[in-house]
Amino acid sequence: VIFVANEFNIDNLDELVSVFDLFIVDTGYSAKNKANIIEKINKENKPIYVLPEITELFLLNQKSYVVSDVTLLTCDIDGISIADEIVKKIIDVVISVIALVLFSPVFLFASIAIIKEDGRPVFYLQNRVGKDGKIFKIIKFRTMVKDAEKYTGAVLSNGNDPRITKVGKFLRKTGLDEVPQFINVLKGEMSVVGPRPERPELISEIKKTVPNYDIRLKVKPGITGFAQLYGRYDTPFEQKLKMDILYMRSKSFLFTDIYIILNTLKLFFSPQKRA
């Protein structure tokens, strides 16, 4: 496998095509150079993958038109159709009710453990940005000491964060700290599947380096999704956005949601795979 990075000298590509079996083309090439690279590799019938730009993902499953002799593609993300919205709502309600019933013992034992280690409150409410930029309170089991951000402000946590309690480490590792968010789903603030909701303060910072980041606000945020399933906690926001756009440009939200939910369950029962 060879990674054709954007600083790679494409003049050396001819001698390498016969040596390597698979090629991955990085972003940053001009359209002309990228076309030349793909042409050379395709002539040898070698597998080739291309890392897309964010704007290129906008073109997935878009409508095409031919005007005179010019081929055009629309380039927009409309969110979810009314029909898909209804189906998603039904799935959200059914899954959330089942999940809250099945996880009711978790609410009991987690509450007891949290109170025993660090007192009340059991739940942690935090402002997050929802669909169309609407702010809502996300509900999670509290995994940090009380007033964890009193002196630090809004900062991203990591696995070695000293503010995380012993119970909190277990809840985070197993993903059980997210269970109360099914209440957010029933309230209509979230969906089971969708982009991960971010904090307003962090979105303001992210948008400075990741253009089009707020395009993900066209759909309800979710408990799980492509970015949550395949990304890691420290995955760059640009890569998470690409996975969110991939979800938003899906041909079928129903089948995509089912795929993501089933694979999330698989991940849930394999907690050692969590990053």
Protein backbone atom coordinates (compact mmCIF):
# COMPACT_ATOMS: atom_id res chain seq x y z
CA VAL A 1 0.00 0.00 0.00
CA ILE A 2 1.28 3.47 -0.82
CA PHE A 3 -0.19 6.73 0.42
CA VAL A 4 0.14 9.35 -2.34
CA ALA A 5 0.39 12.43 -0.14
CA ASN A 6 0.06 15.95 -1.48
CA GLU A 7 3.80 16.56 -1.24
CA PHE A 8 4.53 13.42 -3.27
CA ASN A 9 6.45 13.92 -6.52
CA ILE A 10 4.11 12.49 -9.14
CA ASP A 11 6.99 12.25 -11.62
CA ASN A 12 8.14 9.16 -9.69
CA LEU A 13 4.74 7.49 -9.91
CA ASP A 14 5.45 5.43 -13.05
CA GLU A 15 8.17 3.35 -11.39
CA LEU A 16 6.09 2.81 -8.26
CA VAL A 17 2.86 1.70 -9.95
CA SER A 18 4.33 -1.70 -10.73
CA VAL A 19 5.64 -2.17 -7.18
CA PHE A 20 2.63 -1.35 -4.98
CA ASP A 21 -0.77 -3.06 -5.02
CA LEU A 22 -3.04 -0.35 -3.63
CA PHE A 23 -2.95 3.45 -3.77
CA ILE A 24 -4.56 6.13 -1.61
CA VAL A 25 -4.54 9.64 -3.04
CA ASP A 26 -4.45 12.48 -0.54
CA THR A 27 -6.27 15.80 -0.82
CA GLY A 28 -4.41 18.91 -1.94
CA TYR A 29 -3.74 18.01 -5.58
CA SER A 30 -5.06 20.16 -8.38
CA ALA A 31 -7.85 18.59 -10.42
CA LYS A 32 -5.41 18.09 -13.33
CA ASN A 33 -2.74 16.33 -11.23
CA LYS A 34 -5.32 14.16 -9.51
CA ALA A 35 -6.72 13.10 -12.89
CA ASN A 36 -3.21 12.21 -14.09
CA ILE A 37 -2.49 10.13 -10.99
CA ILE A 38 -5.76 8.22 -11.29
CA GLU A 39 -5.20 7.64 -15.02
CA LYS A 40 -1.71 6.16 -14.51
CA ILE A 41 -2.81 3.83 -11.74
CA ASN A 42 -5.99 2.71 -13.52
CA LYS A 43 -3.96 1.68 -16.57
CA GLU A 44 -2.33 -0.97 -14.39
CA ASN A 45 -5.71 -2.05 -12.97
CA LYS A 46 -4.55 -1.32 -9.43
CA PRO A 47 -7.07 -0.45 -6.68
CA ILE A 48 -7.11 3.25 -5.94
CA TYR A 49 -8.85 5.25 -3.20
CA VAL A 50 -9.21 9.01 -3.05
CA LEU A 51 -9.51 11.08 0.13
CA PRO A 52 -12.32 13.51 -0.75
CA GLU A 53 -12.54 17.18 0.04
CA ILE A 54 -15.59 18.21 2.08
CA THR A 55 -17.15 19.97 -0.92
CA GLU A 56 -16.73 16.81 -3.03
CA LEU A 57 -18.86 14.89 -0.54
CA PHE A 58 -21.68 17.39 -1.17
CA LEU A 59 -22.00 15.83 -4.65
CA LEU A 60 -22.89 12.35 -3.39
CA ASN A 61 -26.31 11.20 -4.65
CA GLN A 62 -27.16 14.65 -6.00
CA LYS A 63 -29.46 15.35 -8.94
CA SER A 64 -27.82 15.68 -12.35
CA TYR A 65 -28.84 17.82 -15.31
CA VAL A 66 -27.68 18.37 -18.86
CA VAL A 67 -28.20 21.95 -20.04
CA SER A 68 -27.35 22.30 -23.73
CA ASP A 69 -24.07 20.36 -23.83
CA VAL A 70 -23.06 21.03 -20.21
CA THR A 71 -23.43 18.42 -17.44
CA LEU A 72 -24.40 19.86 -14.06
CA LEU A 73 -24.80 18.48 -10.54
CA THR A 74 -26.70 20.16 -7.74
CA CYS A 75 -24.56 20.92 -4.69
CA ASP A 76 -26.74 21.25 -1.63
CA ILE A 77 -27.73 19.36 1.51
CA ASP A 78 -31.42 19.67 2.24
CA GLY A 79 -31.47 17.60 5.40
CA ILE A 80 -34.13 14.90 5.70
CA SER A 81 -37.33 14.62 3.70
CA ILE A 82 -40.68 14.70 5.51
CA ALA A 83 -41.20 10.98 4.83
CA ASP A 84 -37.78 10.06 6.24
CA GLU A 85 -38.41 12.38 9.20
CA ILE A 86 -41.59 10.48 10.08
CA VAL A 87 -39.90 7.08 9.78
CA LYS A 88 -36.93 8.24 11.87
CA LYS A 89 -39.28 9.61 14.55
CA ILE A 90 -41.09 6.26 14.82
CA ILE A 91 -37.77 4.39 15.06
CA ASP A 92 -36.48 6.90 17.63
CA VAL A 93 -39.51 6.52 19.91
CA VAL A 94 -39.62 2.71 19.72
CA ILE A 95 -35.89 2.25 20.32
CA SER A 96 -35.78 4.86 23.10
CA VAL A 97 -38.68 3.29 25.03
CA ILE A 98 -37.12 -0.18 24.72
CA ALA A 99 -33.68 1.14 25.71
CA LEU A 100 -34.94 3.01 28.78
CA VAL A 101 -36.82 -0.09 29.96
CA LEU A 102 -33.85 -2.41 29.39
CA PHE A 103 -31.39 0.00 31.00
CA SER A 104 -33.60 0.88 33.99
CA PRO A 105 -31.32 -1.20 36.29
CA VAL A 106 -28.37 0.87 35.02
CA PHE A 107 -30.12 4.06 36.17
CA LEU A 108 -30.46 2.54 39.65
CA PHE A 109 -26.95 1.16 40.07
CA ALA A 110 -25.21 4.08 38.35
CA SER A 111 -27.08 6.54 40.55
CA ILE A 112 -26.08 4.69 43.72
CA ALA A 113 -22.43 4.43 42.61
CA ILE A 114 -22.17 8.10 41.64
CA ILE A 115 -23.73 9.32 44.89
CA LYS A 116 -21.57 7.00 46.98
CA GLU A 117 -18.33 8.19 45.35
CA ASP A 118 -18.93 11.90 44.84
CA GLY A 119 -22.41 12.78 46.05
CA ARG A 120 -25.14 14.44 44.02
CA PRO A 121 -26.07 15.31 41.31
CA VAL A 122 -26.37 12.03 39.42
CA PHE A 123 -26.99 13.62 36.04
CA TYR A 124 -24.99 16.22 34.18
CA LEU A 125 -26.85 18.72 32.00
CA GLN A 126 -24.88 20.57 29.37
CA ASN A 127 -25.76 22.99 26.57
CA ARG A 128 -25.45 21.46 23.11
CA VAL A 129 -26.32 22.72 19.63
CA GLY A 130 -29.20 20.89 17.96
CA LYS A 131 -30.95 21.04 14.61
CA ASP A 132 -30.99 24.51 13.00
CA GLY A 133 -28.73 25.79 15.79
CA LYS A 134 -31.28 25.36 18.57
CA ILE A 135 -29.67 25.00 22.01
CA PHE A 136 -30.83 22.16 24.26
CA LYS A 137 -29.68 20.48 27.47
CA ILE A 138 -28.09 17.10 26.85
CA ILE A 139 -28.52 14.57 29.69
CA LYS A 140 -25.66 12.31 30.78
CA PHE A 141 -24.61 10.45 33.88
CA ARG A 142 -22.09 12.65 35.67
CA THR A 143 -18.61 11.21 35.10
CA MET A 144 -16.51 14.09 36.47
CA VAL A 145 -16.09 15.67 39.85
CA LYS A 146 -18.55 18.44 40.72
CA ASP A 147 -17.82 21.85 39.16
CA ALA A 148 -15.17 20.25 36.91
CA GLU A 149 -15.08 23.25 34.56
CA LYS A 150 -15.39 25.99 37.16
CA TYR A 151 -11.77 27.07 36.65
CA THR A 152 -10.95 25.60 33.24
CA GLY A 153 -14.01 26.57 31.22
CA ALA A 154 -15.11 24.51 28.21
CA VAL A 155 -12.26 22.13 27.36
CA LEU A 156 -12.13 18.73 25.69
CA SER A 157 -11.52 15.82 28.02
CA ASN A 158 -9.15 12.89 27.46
CA GLY A 159 -8.70 9.40 28.86
CA ASN A 160 -6.23 10.56 31.53
CA ASP A 161 -8.27 13.56 32.70
CA PRO A 162 -7.88 13.73 36.51
CA ARG A 163 -11.37 15.25 36.76
CA ILE A 164 -12.97 11.92 35.77
CA THR A 165 -14.19 9.87 38.73
CA LYS A 166 -13.63 6.11 39.12
CA VAL A 167 -17.30 5.43 38.38
CA GLY A 168 -17.07 7.90 35.50
CA LYS A 169 -14.19 5.97 33.90
CA PHE A 170 -16.28 2.80 33.93
CA LEU A 171 -19.36 4.56 32.55
CA ARG A 172 -17.34 6.17 29.76
CA LYS A 173 -15.48 2.99 28.83
CA THR A 174 -18.73 1.04 28.52
CA GLY A 175 -20.68 3.91 26.94
CA LEU A 176 -23.30 3.71 29.69
CA ASP A 177 -22.88 7.42 30.46
CA GLU A 178 -24.78 8.11 27.22
CA VAL A 179 -27.90 6.09 28.18
CA PRO A 180 -29.87 9.08 29.62
CA GLN A 181 -29.74 10.70 26.18
CA PHE A 182 -32.62 8.47 25.13
CA ILE A 183 -34.69 10.93 27.19
CA ASN A 184 -33.44 13.69 24.84
CA VAL A 185 -34.59 11.54 21.94
CA LEU A 186 -38.09 11.15 23.39
CA LYS A 187 -38.23 14.92 23.91
CA GLY A 188 -37.51 15.38 20.19
CA GLU A 189 -34.20 17.16 20.77
CA MET A 190 -32.08 14.31 19.41
CA SER A 191 -32.34 11.26 17.19
CA VAL A 192 -30.88 7.82 17.83
CA VAL A 193 -28.70 8.30 14.72
CA GLY A 194 -27.19 11.61 13.65
CA PRO A 195 -24.16 13.88 14.01
CA ARG A 196 -22.79 14.19 17.52
CA PRO A 197 -24.04 17.43 19.14
CA GLU A 198 -21.26 19.82 20.10
CA ARG A 199 -21.10 22.60 22.66
CA PRO A 200 -21.81 26.16 21.40
CA GLU A 201 -18.40 27.41 22.60
CA LEU A 202 -16.55 24.62 20.79
CA ILE A 203 -18.48 25.05 17.53
CA SER A 204 -17.43 28.71 17.41
CA GLU A 205 -13.79 27.62 17.65
CA ILE A 206 -14.15 24.68 15.23
CA LYS A 207 -15.68 26.89 12.50
CA LYS A 208 -12.52 29.01 12.47
CA THR A 209 -10.55 26.11 10.97
CA VAL A 210 -13.26 23.86 9.49
CA PRO A 211 -15.49 25.70 6.97
CA ASN A 212 -19.03 24.36 6.45
CA TYR A 213 -18.98 22.72 9.89
CA ASP A 214 -22.48 23.96 10.71
CA ILE A 215 -23.88 22.11 7.64
CA ARG A 216 -24.40 19.20 10.07
CA LEU A 217 -27.05 21.28 11.88
CA LYS A 218 -29.52 20.53 9.08
CA VAL A 219 -30.41 17.23 10.81
CA LYS A 220 -31.07 16.32 14.43
CA PRO A 221 -27.97 15.33 16.39
CA GLY A 222 -27.72 11.69 17.39
CA ILE A 223 -26.52 9.35 20.10
CA THR A 224 -24.63 7.35 17.49
CA GLY A 225 -23.58 7.83 13.88
CA PHE A 226 -20.74 7.22 11.43
CA ALA A 227 -18.42 9.62 13.29
CA GLN A 228 -19.25 8.06 16.67
CA LEU A 229 -18.95 4.54 15.26
CA TYR A 230 -15.76 4.82 13.21
CA GLY A 231 -14.11 7.88 14.68
CA ARG A 232 -12.13 8.19 17.89
CA TYR A 233 -12.34 10.81 20.59
CA ASP A 234 -9.33 12.62 19.10
CA THR A 235 -10.36 12.25 15.44
CA PRO A 236 -9.94 15.68 13.78
CA PHE A 237 -13.20 17.62 13.45
CA GLU A 238 -12.78 17.85 9.67
CA GLN A 239 -12.75 14.05 9.40
CA LYS A 240 -15.80 13.80 11.68
CA LEU A 241 -17.58 16.34 9.46
CA LYS A 242 -16.83 14.22 6.39
CA MET A 243 -18.44 11.20 8.07
CA ASP A 244 -21.45 13.31 9.07
CA ILE A 245 -21.87 14.52 5.47
CA LEU A 246 -21.55 10.93 4.25
CA TYR A 247 -24.49 10.07 6.51
CA MET A 248 -26.51 13.10 5.38
CA ARG A 249 -25.98 12.18 1.71
CA SER A 250 -27.13 8.56 2.25
CA LYS A 251 -29.50 7.15 -0.36
CA SER A 252 -31.72 5.71 2.36
CA PHE A 253 -31.81 7.02 5.92
CA LEU A 254 -33.83 3.97 7.00
CA PHE A 255 -31.27 1.37 5.90
CA THR A 256 -28.34 3.58 6.95
CA ASP A 257 -29.84 4.06 10.42
CA ILE A 258 -30.41 0.31 10.81
CA TYR A 259 -26.82 -0.38 9.71
CA ILE A 260 -25.41 2.15 12.20
CA ILE A 261 -27.62 0.95 15.07
CA LEU A 262 -26.69 -2.72 14.55
CA ASN A 263 -22.97 -1.90 14.36
CA THR A 264 -23.25 0.31 17.45
CA LEU A 265 -24.75 -2.62 19.35
CA LYS A 266 -21.85 -4.75 18.16
CA LEU A 267 -19.40 -2.13 19.43
CA PHE A 268 -21.29 -1.78 22.71
CA PHE A 269 -20.81 -5.46 23.46
CA SER A 270 -17.10 -5.12 22.66
CA PRO A 271 -16.11 -2.30 25.05
CA GLN A 272 -12.42 -3.13 24.75
CA LYS A 273 -12.55 -1.72 21.21
CA ARG A 274 -13.47 1.73 22.47
CA ALA A 275 -10.70 4.28 21.98
